[in-house]
Amino acid sequence: MTQIKQLAPQDDFVGFYLLRELAIKQTNGTPQKDYFDIVLGDSSGQLSAKFWDVSTTDKETFFPMALVKVQGTAHTYREKLQIKISKMRLVIESDGVALTDFIRSAPIRPVDLIHTIKMVMASITDQEISTIVSFCVGKVEEKLMHYPAAKTHHHAYFAGLAYHMVRMLEIGEFLCKQRPFLNPDLMKAGIILHDIAKPEEMISQLGIVSEYSVQGKLIGHISMASNWITEAAIRSDIDLGSEKVLALQHLVLSHHNLGEWGSPVQPQTAEAVALHHIDAMDAKLQMVEDALDTTPETEEWTPFIRGLENKAVYRLKI
């Protein structure tokens, strides 16, 4: 059976895959015909696919997050690899495959990621900052074991959010040693809190985001996390006007840097500037790593990466 990563243009193949996304659309011709616009995935990656001329039975049979056996052909469309499905059926018990076989996951066990995050939380020496961080993490602690960091851009897999946090904490630890003017407690807190509301922003199963929640659409994870900091301060009798609360709120509210990226303010403290660049560095390098990992080694260039201004990455032969 062929994995997504192994596919190349003009390949005819058969394999088992997860229907990560499925939408019914209509062709432009007359008369219009229904077809499935699909994203197929496995543990090696994902690809866009089309299943043409779907029947009423097909529309009642196939659904997102279903496992399917597919026969198809890979081809290039608008410089991107795509799949034309010729036959598709649901997986049956005798196929001997399970949903977890098709889920991408962080390269470190979730339990170890959470242990690392908790160890860092325990190392925060300022009691008020520690209290606020603990309160916010407590809201989503169970979901941190499996939630992705995003729907598509970066760390978009099982336990991706916790993995993103841990990688950022490693960078933050180095920077605090290199730049002693940075406050270590604020850096640790900012990294842990910057995306802490993501599990309430997205609806996810096994690391795959199917939709954004009502809160996610109307408020967003940045504002939610800032509200949680306020709530934590009120519940713990911490002065809302203190610079600690203000600093934590600013870290969260400014970490995307620009209004068009979701931040209502730009970074204006040393720790906020550092947090933004740590976040951007880890996210962008993960996009590159994921693109290289999910592109066949025979391909010199990855597909275009949206988070890198739609640039492809070249695989050096050094």
Protein backbone atom coordinates (compact mmCIF):
# COMPACT_ATOMS: atom_id res chain seq x y z
CA MET A 1 0.00 0.00 0.00
CA THR A 2 1.24 3.48 -0.91
CA GLN A 3 1.77 6.28 1.60
CA ILE A 4 1.00 9.90 0.73
CA LYS A 5 4.68 10.84 0.95
CA GLN A 6 5.61 8.20 -1.63
CA LEU A 7 3.28 9.49 -4.36
CA ALA A 8 4.71 11.14 -7.47
CA PRO A 9 3.02 12.52 -10.60
CA GLN A 10 1.47 9.86 -12.86
CA ASP A 11 1.57 7.19 -10.12
CA ASP A 12 -1.34 4.73 -10.12
CA PHE A 13 -1.80 3.49 -6.60
CA VAL A 14 -3.96 1.72 -4.03
CA GLY A 15 -3.87 2.56 -0.32
CA PHE A 16 -5.70 3.14 2.92
CA TYR A 17 -6.25 6.74 4.00
CA LEU A 18 -8.14 8.99 6.36
CA LEU A 19 -10.75 11.37 4.95
CA ARG A 20 -9.43 14.40 6.81
CA GLU A 21 -11.81 16.73 4.99
CA LEU A 22 -14.74 16.13 2.64
CA ALA A 23 -17.01 18.66 0.94
CA ILE A 24 -19.64 18.20 -1.75
CA LYS A 25 -19.15 20.67 -4.61
CA GLN A 26 -20.52 21.18 -8.11
CA THR A 27 -18.71 21.24 -11.44
CA ASN A 28 -18.84 24.36 -13.62
CA GLY A 29 -20.31 22.58 -16.62
CA THR A 30 -23.93 22.28 -17.72
CA PRO A 31 -25.59 20.39 -16.26
CA GLN A 32 -23.69 20.72 -12.99
CA LYS A 33 -22.60 17.49 -11.34
CA ASP A 34 -21.73 16.81 -7.73
CA TYR A 35 -18.19 15.77 -6.77
CA PHE A 36 -16.23 15.26 -3.56
CA ASP A 37 -13.48 17.77 -2.75
CA ILE A 38 -11.35 15.75 -0.36
CA VAL A 39 -8.19 15.92 1.72
CA LEU A 40 -6.70 12.45 2.16
CA GLY A 41 -4.21 11.87 4.93
CA ASP A 42 -2.04 9.29 6.60
CA SER A 43 0.85 9.39 9.06
CA SER A 44 3.20 10.65 6.32
CA GLY A 45 1.19 13.67 5.15
CA GLN A 46 -1.91 14.79 3.29
CA LEU A 47 -3.01 15.62 -0.25
CA SER A 48 -5.96 17.20 -1.99
CA ALA A 49 -8.11 14.73 -3.92
CA LYS A 50 -11.15 14.75 -6.21
CA PHE A 51 -13.79 12.05 -6.54
CA TRP A 52 -15.93 12.87 -9.56
CA ASP A 53 -19.56 12.02 -10.40
CA VAL A 54 -20.59 11.04 -6.89
CA SER A 55 -23.90 9.27 -6.44
CA THR A 56 -26.60 9.72 -3.83
CA THR A 57 -25.30 6.55 -2.16
CA ASP A 58 -21.76 7.99 -2.09
CA LYS A 59 -23.04 11.11 -0.34
CA GLU A 60 -24.71 8.95 2.31
CA THR A 61 -21.68 6.66 2.72
CA PHE A 62 -18.60 8.84 3.04
CA PHE A 63 -17.94 11.39 5.80
CA PRO A 64 -14.98 13.25 7.38
CA MET A 65 -12.72 11.19 9.67
CA ALA A 66 -13.73 7.95 7.93
CA LEU A 67 -11.06 5.43 6.89
CA VAL A 68 -11.20 4.49 3.23
CA LYS A 69 -9.45 2.26 0.71
CA VAL A 70 -8.65 4.28 -2.40
CA GLN A 71 -7.58 3.47 -5.93
CA GLY A 72 -6.41 6.51 -7.82
CA THR A 73 -3.85 8.40 -9.85
CA ALA A 74 -1.53 11.20 -8.70
CA HIS A 75 -1.13 14.14 -11.05
CA THR A 76 0.01 17.75 -11.01
CA TYR A 77 -2.61 20.52 -10.99
CA ARG A 78 -1.49 24.16 -10.85
CA GLU A 79 1.99 23.00 -9.85
CA LYS A 80 0.65 21.00 -6.89
CA LEU A 81 0.33 17.24 -6.54
CA GLN A 82 -3.29 16.11 -6.45
CA ILE A 83 -5.16 12.80 -6.50
CA LYS A 84 -7.88 11.68 -8.89
CA ILE A 85 -9.84 8.94 -7.16
CA SER A 86 -11.22 6.21 -9.43
CA LYS A 87 -12.56 3.86 -6.73
CA MET A 88 -13.20 4.34 -3.01
CA ARG A 89 -14.81 2.28 -0.27
CA LEU A 90 -14.99 2.36 3.50
CA VAL A 91 -12.50 0.28 5.45
CA ILE A 92 -13.82 -3.05 6.70
CA GLU A 93 -12.64 -5.07 9.70
CA SER A 94 -10.74 -7.61 7.59
CA ASP A 95 -8.52 -4.79 6.22
CA GLY A 96 -6.76 -4.81 9.59
CA VAL A 97 -6.22 -1.04 9.86
CA ALA A 98 -7.07 1.35 12.72
CA LEU A 99 -7.68 5.07 12.90
CA THR A 100 -4.56 5.67 14.99
CA ASP A 101 -2.43 4.27 12.14
CA PHE A 102 -3.27 7.38 10.11
CA ILE A 103 -2.72 10.10 12.67
CA ARG A 104 0.36 12.31 12.60
CA SER A 105 1.69 12.93 16.08
CA ALA A 106 4.37 14.98 17.81
CA PRO A 107 7.73 13.17 17.84
CA ILE A 108 7.77 13.25 21.67
CA ARG A 109 5.21 11.39 23.79
CA PRO A 110 2.42 13.68 25.04
CA VAL A 111 2.97 12.60 28.64
CA ASP A 112 6.62 13.68 28.39
CA LEU A 113 5.67 17.01 26.83
CA ILE A 114 3.21 17.75 29.64
CA HIS A 115 5.80 16.73 32.23
CA THR A 116 8.28 19.22 30.73
CA ILE A 117 5.69 22.02 30.73
CA LYS A 118 4.82 21.32 34.37
CA MET A 119 8.48 21.30 35.37
CA VAL A 120 8.90 24.73 33.79
CA MET A 121 5.75 25.97 35.54
CA ALA A 122 7.18 24.76 38.87
CA SER A 123 10.37 26.74 38.19
CA ILE A 124 8.54 30.10 37.99
CA THR A 125 9.68 31.88 41.14
CA ASP A 126 7.20 34.76 41.21
CA GLN A 127 4.17 33.44 43.09
CA GLU A 128 1.58 35.68 41.43
CA ILE A 129 2.81 34.88 37.92
CA SER A 130 2.92 31.19 38.84
CA THR A 131 -0.66 31.33 40.15
CA ILE A 132 -1.97 32.93 36.97
CA VAL A 133 -0.18 30.44 34.72
CA SER A 134 -1.44 27.47 36.75
CA PHE A 135 -5.02 28.75 36.59
CA CYS A 136 -4.94 29.18 32.80
CA VAL A 137 -3.26 25.83 32.13
CA GLY A 138 -5.79 24.16 34.42
CA LYS A 139 -8.59 25.19 32.08
CA VAL A 140 -7.23 23.06 29.22
CA GLU A 141 -4.79 20.63 30.83
CA GLU A 142 -6.56 17.49 29.62
CA LYS A 143 -6.79 18.80 26.04
CA LEU A 144 -3.08 19.70 26.00
CA MET A 145 -2.39 15.95 25.81
CA HIS A 146 -3.71 15.76 22.25
CA TYR A 147 -4.60 19.16 20.75
CA PRO A 148 -2.78 20.53 17.70
CA ALA A 149 -1.38 24.07 17.62
CA ALA A 150 -3.30 25.00 14.45
CA LYS A 151 -5.64 23.64 11.80
CA THR A 152 -3.11 23.68 8.98
CA HIS A 153 -0.19 26.11 9.39
CA HIS A 154 2.15 24.55 11.95
CA HIS A 155 2.21 21.72 14.50
CA ALA A 156 -1.17 20.66 13.04
CA TYR A 157 -1.15 17.17 14.52
CA PHE A 158 -1.76 15.14 17.69
CA ALA A 159 -0.12 16.91 20.72
CA GLY A 160 1.21 19.60 18.40
CA LEU A 161 0.36 22.44 20.79
CA ALA A 162 2.30 20.94 23.70
CA TYR A 163 5.21 20.18 21.35
CA HIS A 164 5.18 23.80 20.12
CA MET A 165 5.28 25.04 23.73
CA VAL A 166 8.18 22.79 24.68
CA ARG A 167 10.27 23.74 21.63
CA MET A 168 9.62 27.43 22.41
CA LEU A 169 10.53 26.94 26.07
CA GLU A 170 13.90 25.49 24.96
CA ILE A 171 14.57 28.55 22.79
CA GLY A 172 13.39 30.86 25.57
CA GLU A 173 15.74 29.25 28.10
CA PHE A 174 18.69 29.82 25.78
CA LEU A 175 17.72 33.45 25.11
CA CYS A 176 17.34 34.25 28.81
CA LYS A 177 20.90 33.01 29.38
CA GLN A 178 22.22 34.94 26.40
CA ARG A 179 20.20 38.10 27.19
CA PRO A 180 20.06 38.49 30.99
CA PHE A 181 17.86 41.60 30.74
CA LEU A 182 14.94 39.30 29.86
CA ASN A 183 12.79 38.28 32.82
CA PRO A 184 12.83 34.44 32.90
CA ASP A 185 9.50 34.15 34.73
CA LEU A 186 7.75 36.37 32.18
CA MET A 187 9.35 34.48 29.28
CA LYS A 188 8.24 31.11 30.64
CA ALA A 189 4.75 32.42 31.37
CA GLY A 190 4.39 34.13 28.01
CA ILE A 191 5.40 31.01 26.09
CA ILE A 192 3.00 28.80 28.03
CA LEU A 193 0.11 31.28 27.86
CA HIS A 194 0.43 32.67 24.32
CA ASP A 195 -1.62 29.85 22.71
CA ILE A 196 -3.17 28.38 25.84
CA ALA A 197 -6.73 29.06 24.64
CA LYS A 198 -6.23 27.27 21.31
CA PRO A 199 -8.04 24.13 22.63
CA GLU A 200 -11.13 26.29 23.24
CA GLU A 201 -10.78 28.02 19.87
CA MET A 202 -10.78 24.84 17.80
CA ILE A 203 -12.82 21.64 17.68
CA SER A 204 -10.39 18.75 17.26
CA GLN A 205 -10.41 14.98 17.23
CA LEU A 206 -7.13 13.04 17.34
CA GLY A 207 -5.17 16.15 16.44
CA ILE A 208 -7.31 17.01 13.40
CA VAL A 209 -9.28 20.26 13.54
CA SER A 210 -12.72 19.94 11.96
CA GLU A 211 -14.07 23.37 12.82
CA TYR A 212 -13.57 26.48 14.93
CA SER A 213 -15.77 26.86 18.00
CA VAL A 214 -18.26 29.71 18.39
CA GLN A 215 -15.91 31.31 20.92
CA GLY A 216 -13.03 30.79 18.53
CA LYS A 217 -14.88 32.54 15.70
CA LEU A 218 -16.30 35.39 17.77
CA ILE A 219 -13.46 36.03 20.25
CA GLY A 220 -10.34 34.06 19.27
CA HIS A 221 -7.61 32.47 21.36
CA ILE A 222 -5.68 35.71 21.94
CA SER A 223 -8.57 37.56 23.57
CA MET A 224 -9.71 34.45 25.43
CA ALA A 225 -6.27 33.97 26.98
CA SER A 226 -6.12 37.63 28.03
CA ASN A 227 -9.54 37.23 29.65
CA TRP A 228 -8.33 34.14 31.50
CA ILE A 229 -5.41 36.12 32.93
CA THR A 230 -7.89 38.70 34.21
CA GLU A 231 -10.09 35.95 35.65
CA ALA A 232 -7.10 34.33 37.36
CA ALA A 233 -6.08 37.63 38.94
CA ILE A 234 -9.59 38.33 40.24
CA ARG A 235 -10.00 34.82 41.69
CA SER A 236 -6.60 35.04 43.41
CA ASP A 237 -6.98 38.63 44.69
CA ILE A 238 -4.10 39.84 42.52
CA ASP A 239 -4.22 43.55 41.71
CA LEU A 240 -5.55 43.92 38.15
CA GLY A 241 -3.52 47.11 37.80
CA SER A 242 -0.22 45.46 38.70
CA GLU A 243 2.58 45.41 36.14
CA LYS A 244 2.69 41.61 36.36
CA VAL A 245 -0.88 41.26 35.12
CA LEU A 246 -0.30 43.98 32.54
CA ALA A 247 2.89 42.30 31.31
CA LEU A 248 1.22 38.89 30.94
CA GLN A 249 -1.74 40.37 29.08
CA HIS A 250 0.59 42.29 26.78
CA LEU A 251 2.61 39.15 26.02
CA VAL A 252 -0.53 37.33 24.90
CA LEU A 253 -2.14 40.26 23.07
CA SER A 254 0.97 41.19 21.08
CA HIS A 255 2.53 37.84 20.18
CA HIS A 256 1.19 37.84 16.59
CA ASN A 257 2.78 41.28 16.18
CA LEU A 258 0.39 42.83 13.62
CA GLY A 259 -3.31 43.60 13.50
CA GLU A 260 -3.78 41.68 10.27
CA TRP A 261 -2.28 38.64 12.00
CA GLY A 262 -4.67 38.94 14.96
CA SER A 263 -2.77 41.07 17.49
CA PRO A 264 -4.57 44.18 18.77
CA VAL A 265 -1.20 45.67 19.82
CA GLN A 266 2.42 45.27 18.78
CA PRO A 267 5.15 44.04 21.18
CA GLN A 268 6.34 46.89 23.38
CA THR A 269 8.20 45.14 26.18
CA ALA A 270 11.48 43.26 25.89
CA GLU A 271 9.82 39.94 26.70
CA ALA A 272 7.01 40.55 24.20
CA VAL A 273 9.49 41.25 21.40
CA ALA A 274 11.35 38.03 22.27
CA LEU A 275 8.12 36.00 22.50
CA HIS A 276 6.93 37.08 19.07
CA HIS A 277 10.18 36.07 17.40
CA ILE A 278 10.47 32.79 19.34
CA ASP A 279 6.92 31.91 18.28
CA ALA A 280 7.53 32.88 14.65
CA MET A 281 10.86 31.02 14.52
CA ASP A 282 9.47 27.79 15.90
CA ALA A 283 6.34 27.94 13.74
CA LYS A 284 8.20 28.67 10.50
CA LEU A 285 10.94 26.11 11.08
CA GLN A 286 8.25 23.53 11.84
CA MET A 287 6.54 24.39 8.56
CA VAL A 288 9.82 23.74 6.76
CA GLU A 289 10.47 20.51 8.66
CA ASP A 290 6.95 19.23 8.02
CA ALA A 291 7.13 20.13 4.32
CA LEU A 292 10.46 18.31 3.92
CA ASP A 293 9.22 15.30 5.91
CA THR A 294 6.03 14.95 3.87
CA THR A 295 7.58 15.57 0.43
CA PRO A 296 9.00 12.53 -1.39
CA GLU A 297 12.79 12.48 -1.20
CA THR A 298 12.88 12.27 -5.00
CA GLU A 299 11.38 15.79 -5.16
CA GLU A 300 13.87 18.68 -5.06
CA TRP A 301 11.25 21.24 -4.02
CA THR A 302 8.51 21.10 -1.42
CA PRO A 303 5.02 22.36 -2.24
CA PHE A 304 4.44 26.08 -1.65
CA ILE A 305 4.27 26.83 2.08
CA ARG A 306 1.57 29.38 2.87
CA GLY A 307 3.19 30.49 6.13
CA LEU A 308 6.42 31.30 4.27
CA GLU A 309 4.80 33.76 1.86
CA ASN A 310 3.91 30.86 -0.46
CA LYS A 311 7.54 29.99 -1.08
CA ALA A 312 8.74 26.44 -1.72
CA VAL A 313 11.83 25.05 0.03
CA TYR A 314 14.67 23.42 -1.88
CA ARG A 315 16.14 20.18 -0.58
CA LEU A 316 19.92 20.61 -0.60
CA LYS A 317 22.00 17.60 -1.56
CA ILE A 318 24.86 18.42 0.81
